[in-house]
Amino acid sequence: MTMSEKGNAAIPVREVPVDWEALEDAFENNAPEVHSYLQLGTGEVLRVVDGIADPEMHARIAADSNYMRIDPVSSREQYRWMERFIQMLDEGELRDRLSAAIDGKGAFRRFKDVLMAHAPERERWFAFRSERLRVFMEAWLSAHALAAIARPVWIAPQPSAPSTPSAPGSPSATPPPEPRRVRTSELLRRKLREVAEGLGSRDLEKVVAFAEFVKARRAARTFARHEHAEAEEGPASEVPENDLDHDSDGEH
């Protein structure tokens, strides 16, 4: 196991099977009522929403050393990303409209609304934002002595064909095809994005509220299973945790 310098003391680096997409969502969402935690054993990201999740469950997760609080990127920094992205565009109507959109309260929403009608530039923005988020995520993992490793891939079971003995001297039977990776979650997320693009702000608020409720319910079930397993196996080893400054004053 490698070592990481933290202060003046070297501490062991812990490997975590990180779910990059979920971690990216947690780093981007800095709403004050949303609290995200990284499960150090599984790499899952749990999101707890004030007013939806059970306060006692939230307190237990916050006190559990197997969960590390994720400090999202501040709205100030994400605002600077929009400014930098606008400067990357060629001079013209879109650049002028985006510059006007980020002036004043509601800048994030207006910025996204303007990009809705410009698919190529919107994709460029998503790529630019993901790159900046990845830099912050890697720095955060390093600061907490965590090393991201590949997550286990679920392989769809293949039906076994009845074996038939081959004739002597005949070529061996053709091996079964390689199992394919199931991408159901990815397809569903893409479909959800497509549906969301056609909804108004009022309908989007309802969708987000329901999604947060589902995530909070899943977090409660996951944490309950974890507590049950821990009770059977004994106390878990403690993991050093270092809180970072948290700034959440923006709108997304």
Protein backbone atom coordinates (compact mmCIF):
# COMPACT_ATOMS: atom_id res chain seq x y z
CA MET A 1 0.00 0.00 0.00
CA THR A 2 1.38 3.41 -0.95
CA MET A 3 1.79 6.25 1.49
CA SER A 4 0.52 9.83 1.30
CA GLU A 5 1.97 12.91 2.96
CA LYS A 6 -0.69 14.65 5.03
CA GLY A 7 0.75 17.38 7.19
CA ASN A 8 4.00 16.08 8.61
CA ALA A 9 2.88 12.47 8.98
CA ALA A 10 2.68 9.82 6.28
CA ILE A 11 -0.55 7.85 6.28
CA PRO A 12 -1.51 4.81 4.19
CA VAL A 13 -3.51 5.43 1.03
CA ARG A 14 -6.83 3.63 0.98
CA GLU A 15 -8.14 2.27 -2.32
CA VAL A 16 -11.78 3.04 -3.10
CA PRO A 17 -13.77 1.74 -6.11
CA VAL A 18 -15.05 5.18 -7.10
CA ASP A 19 -18.26 5.71 -9.06
CA TRP A 20 -17.02 8.74 -11.02
CA GLU A 21 -20.41 9.78 -12.38
CA ALA A 22 -22.05 9.80 -8.95
CA LEU A 23 -19.04 11.56 -7.42
CA GLU A 24 -19.18 14.20 -10.16
CA ASP A 25 -22.85 14.86 -9.38
CA ALA A 26 -22.00 15.27 -5.69
CA PHE A 27 -19.18 17.72 -6.39
CA GLU A 28 -21.36 19.81 -8.67
CA ASN A 29 -24.40 20.03 -6.36
CA ASN A 30 -23.63 22.54 -3.62
CA ALA A 31 -27.19 23.27 -2.52
CA PRO A 32 -27.11 23.87 1.26
CA GLU A 33 -29.84 21.29 1.94
CA VAL A 34 -27.98 18.50 0.13
CA HIS A 35 -25.27 16.49 1.90
CA SER A 36 -23.28 13.84 0.01
CA TYR A 37 -21.09 11.08 1.46
CA LEU A 38 -18.64 8.65 -0.10
CA GLN A 39 -18.87 5.07 1.19
CA LEU A 40 -15.20 4.12 1.50
CA GLY A 41 -15.82 0.39 1.16
CA THR A 42 -18.08 0.29 -1.90
CA GLY A 43 -17.40 3.68 -3.51
CA GLU A 44 -21.12 4.47 -3.54
CA VAL A 45 -22.21 8.07 -3.09
CA LEU A 46 -25.09 8.62 -0.68
CA ARG A 47 -27.05 11.85 -0.86
CA VAL A 48 -29.01 13.09 2.14
CA VAL A 49 -31.50 15.92 1.66
CA ASP A 50 -32.69 18.00 4.59
CA GLY A 51 -36.45 17.76 5.01
CA ILE A 52 -36.62 14.45 3.14
CA ALA A 53 -34.17 12.11 4.87
CA ASP A 54 -34.58 10.94 8.44
CA PRO A 55 -32.48 13.32 10.62
CA GLU A 56 -31.34 10.43 12.82
CA MET A 57 -30.16 8.48 9.80
CA HIS A 58 -28.28 11.54 8.59
CA ALA A 59 -26.58 11.92 11.97
CA ARG A 60 -25.54 8.26 11.99
CA ILE A 61 -24.02 8.50 8.52
CA ALA A 62 -22.14 11.68 9.44
CA ALA A 63 -20.70 9.94 12.52
CA ASP A 64 -19.74 6.73 10.69
CA SER A 65 -16.02 6.59 9.82
CA ASN A 66 -16.81 4.46 6.76
CA TYR A 67 -18.57 7.45 5.20
CA MET A 68 -16.67 10.59 4.21
CA ARG A 69 -18.42 13.90 3.70
CA ILE A 70 -17.99 15.20 0.15
CA ASP A 71 -17.28 18.91 -0.07
CA PRO A 72 -18.74 20.17 -3.36
CA VAL A 73 -17.14 22.79 -5.55
CA SER A 74 -18.28 26.25 -4.46
CA SER A 75 -20.65 28.28 -6.57
CA ARG A 76 -18.00 30.98 -6.87
CA GLU A 77 -15.61 28.52 -8.52
CA GLN A 78 -18.30 27.09 -10.79
CA TYR A 79 -19.22 30.65 -11.78
CA ARG A 80 -15.59 31.19 -12.82
CA TRP A 81 -15.88 28.10 -15.03
CA MET A 82 -18.74 29.73 -16.92
CA GLU A 83 -16.69 32.89 -17.34
CA ARG A 84 -13.71 30.92 -18.69
CA PHE A 85 -15.91 28.91 -21.04
CA ILE A 86 -17.48 32.06 -22.48
CA GLN A 87 -14.02 33.47 -23.16
CA MET A 88 -13.21 30.30 -25.14
CA LEU A 89 -16.06 30.95 -27.59
CA ASP A 90 -15.69 32.92 -30.80
CA GLU A 91 -17.02 36.45 -30.67
CA GLY A 92 -20.64 36.60 -31.74
CA GLU A 93 -24.26 36.48 -30.62
CA LEU A 94 -23.94 33.36 -28.45
CA ARG A 95 -20.97 34.71 -26.56
CA ASP A 96 -22.80 38.00 -25.95
CA ARG A 97 -25.96 36.23 -24.80
CA LEU A 98 -24.06 34.00 -22.37
CA SER A 99 -22.18 36.99 -20.96
CA ALA A 100 -25.49 38.72 -20.30
CA ALA A 101 -27.03 35.52 -18.88
CA ILE A 102 -24.49 35.18 -16.05
CA ASP A 103 -25.03 38.73 -14.83
CA GLY A 104 -26.96 38.69 -11.58
CA LYS A 105 -29.00 36.19 -9.59
CA GLY A 106 -30.08 33.06 -11.45
CA ALA A 107 -26.92 33.04 -13.57
CA PHE A 108 -26.55 29.25 -13.63
CA ARG A 109 -30.11 28.62 -14.81
CA ARG A 110 -29.99 31.34 -17.49
CA PHE A 111 -26.61 30.09 -18.71
CA LYS A 112 -28.02 26.58 -19.20
CA ASP A 113 -31.20 27.92 -20.83
CA VAL A 114 -29.19 29.83 -23.44
CA LEU A 115 -27.09 26.75 -24.25
CA MET A 116 -30.21 24.60 -24.70
CA ALA A 117 -30.60 25.82 -28.29
CA HIS A 118 -26.91 25.33 -29.17
CA ALA A 119 -26.19 21.59 -29.02
CA PRO A 120 -22.49 21.64 -30.10
CA GLU A 121 -21.56 24.39 -27.63
CA ARG A 122 -23.62 22.70 -24.91
CA GLU A 123 -21.65 19.48 -25.40
CA ARG A 124 -18.41 21.49 -25.26
CA TRP A 125 -19.59 23.00 -21.98
CA PHE A 126 -20.41 19.58 -20.50
CA ALA A 127 -16.95 18.31 -21.48
CA PHE A 128 -15.24 21.42 -20.08
CA ARG A 129 -17.18 21.23 -16.81
CA SER A 130 -16.49 17.49 -16.42
CA GLU A 131 -12.79 18.10 -16.91
CA ARG A 132 -12.74 20.79 -14.22
CA LEU A 133 -14.77 18.60 -11.85
CA ARG A 134 -12.36 15.70 -12.40
CA VAL A 135 -9.43 17.91 -11.36
CA PHE A 136 -11.21 18.85 -8.14
CA MET A 137 -12.26 15.26 -7.43
CA GLU A 138 -8.75 13.90 -7.88
CA ALA A 139 -7.34 16.64 -5.64
CA TRP A 140 -9.96 15.87 -2.98
CA LEU A 141 -9.22 12.14 -3.08
CA SER A 142 -5.50 12.81 -2.79
CA ALA A 143 -6.01 15.19 0.14
CA HIS A 144 -7.93 12.47 1.98
CA ALA A 145 -5.36 9.75 1.19
CA LEU A 146 -7.77 7.91 -1.14
CA ALA A 147 -6.82 6.22 -4.39
CA ALA A 148 -9.52 5.56 -6.97
CA ILE A 149 -9.60 2.07 -8.45
CA ALA A 150 -11.87 0.46 -11.04
CA ARG A 151 -15.25 -0.67 -9.78
CA PRO A 152 -16.24 -4.33 -10.20
CA VAL A 153 -18.17 -4.82 -13.44
CA TRP A 154 -21.40 -6.78 -13.29
CA ILE A 155 -21.42 -9.43 -16.02
CA ALA A 156 -24.71 -10.75 -17.31
CA PRO A 157 -24.92 -14.53 -16.76
CA GLN A 158 -24.94 -16.49 -19.98
CA PRO A 159 -27.24 -19.49 -20.42
CA SER A 160 -25.19 -22.64 -20.50
CA ALA A 161 -25.66 -24.77 -23.59
CA PRO A 162 -25.82 -28.56 -23.14
CA SER A 163 -22.42 -30.04 -23.75
CA THR A 164 -22.11 -32.58 -26.55
CA PRO A 165 -19.10 -34.81 -26.86
CA SER A 166 -17.03 -34.06 -29.94
CA ALA A 167 -15.95 -36.77 -32.28
CA PRO A 168 -12.36 -37.93 -32.04
CA GLY A 169 -10.09 -35.78 -34.18
CA SER A 170 -12.76 -33.15 -34.79
CA PRO A 171 -12.01 -29.51 -33.94
CA SER A 172 -13.00 -28.41 -30.48
CA ALA A 173 -16.39 -26.79 -30.04
CA THR A 174 -16.63 -23.04 -30.58
CA PRO A 175 -16.24 -21.25 -27.24
CA PRO A 176 -19.24 -19.25 -26.01
CA PRO A 177 -19.29 -15.58 -26.93
CA GLU A 178 -17.72 -13.08 -24.58
CA PRO A 179 -20.22 -11.81 -21.99
CA ARG A 180 -21.29 -8.23 -22.73
CA ARG A 181 -21.36 -5.42 -20.22
CA VAL A 182 -24.84 -4.37 -19.28
CA ARG A 183 -25.41 -0.63 -19.73
CA THR A 184 -28.98 -0.33 -18.49
CA SER A 185 -28.19 2.45 -16.01
CA GLU A 186 -26.35 4.49 -18.61
CA LEU A 187 -29.22 4.22 -21.08
CA LEU A 188 -31.78 5.17 -18.44
CA ARG A 189 -29.74 8.21 -17.39
CA ARG A 190 -29.52 9.32 -21.02
CA LYS A 191 -33.28 8.87 -21.43
CA LEU A 192 -33.90 10.87 -18.26
CA ARG A 193 -31.79 13.73 -19.60
CA GLU A 194 -33.72 13.71 -22.87
CA VAL A 195 -37.05 13.83 -21.02
CA ALA A 196 -35.82 16.59 -18.68
CA GLU A 197 -34.84 18.82 -21.59
CA GLY A 198 -38.48 19.03 -22.65
CA LEU A 199 -39.86 19.97 -19.22
CA GLY A 200 -40.48 23.39 -17.76
CA SER A 201 -38.98 24.63 -14.51
CA ARG A 202 -42.08 23.76 -12.43
CA ASP A 203 -42.16 20.18 -13.71
CA LEU A 204 -38.39 19.86 -13.27
CA GLU A 205 -38.72 20.86 -9.61
CA LYS A 206 -41.20 17.99 -9.10
CA VAL A 207 -38.91 15.52 -10.87
CA VAL A 208 -35.89 16.60 -8.82
CA ALA A 209 -37.86 16.41 -5.56
CA PHE A 210 -39.01 12.88 -6.34
CA ALA A 211 -35.50 11.83 -7.41
CA GLU A 212 -34.06 13.18 -4.15
CA PHE A 213 -36.71 11.24 -2.22
CA VAL A 214 -35.75 8.02 -4.02
CA LYS A 215 -32.04 8.60 -3.34
CA ALA A 216 -32.69 9.36 0.32
CA ARG A 217 -34.76 6.18 0.68
CA ARG A 218 -32.00 4.17 -1.00
CA ALA A 219 -29.42 5.76 1.30
CA ALA A 220 -31.47 4.75 4.34
CA ARG A 221 -31.72 1.15 3.15
CA THR A 222 -28.02 0.96 2.28
CA PHE A 223 -27.01 2.39 5.62
CA ALA A 224 -29.34 0.03 7.47
CA ARG A 225 -27.77 -2.98 5.71
CA HIS A 226 -24.31 -1.65 6.50
CA GLU A 227 -25.17 -1.26 10.21
CA HIS A 228 -26.57 -4.79 10.29
CA ALA A 229 -23.44 -6.25 8.66
CA GLU A 230 -21.19 -4.25 10.97
CA ALA A 231 -23.07 -5.52 14.01
CA GLU A 232 -22.40 -9.10 12.88
CA GLU A 233 -18.73 -8.58 11.95
CA GLY A 234 -17.69 -6.28 14.78
CA PRO A 235 -16.56 -2.62 14.80
CA ALA A 236 -15.08 -1.29 11.57
CA SER A 237 -11.61 0.15 11.47
CA GLU A 238 -11.43 3.94 11.59
CA VAL A 239 -10.37 5.94 8.57
CA PRO A 240 -8.73 9.36 9.04
CA GLU A 241 -10.94 12.16 7.79
CA ASN A 242 -10.00 15.74 7.03
CA ASP A 243 -12.82 18.23 6.51
CA LEU A 244 -12.42 20.85 3.81
CA ASP A 245 -13.99 24.29 3.79
CA HIS A 246 -17.52 24.13 2.36
CA ASP A 247 -19.07 26.96 0.42
CA SER A 248 -22.55 26.55 -1.00
CA ASP A 249 -24.14 29.80 -1.95
CA GLY A 250 -25.15 29.16 -5.53
CA GLU A 251 -28.06 28.08 -7.62
CA HIS A 252 -28.02 25.14 -10.05
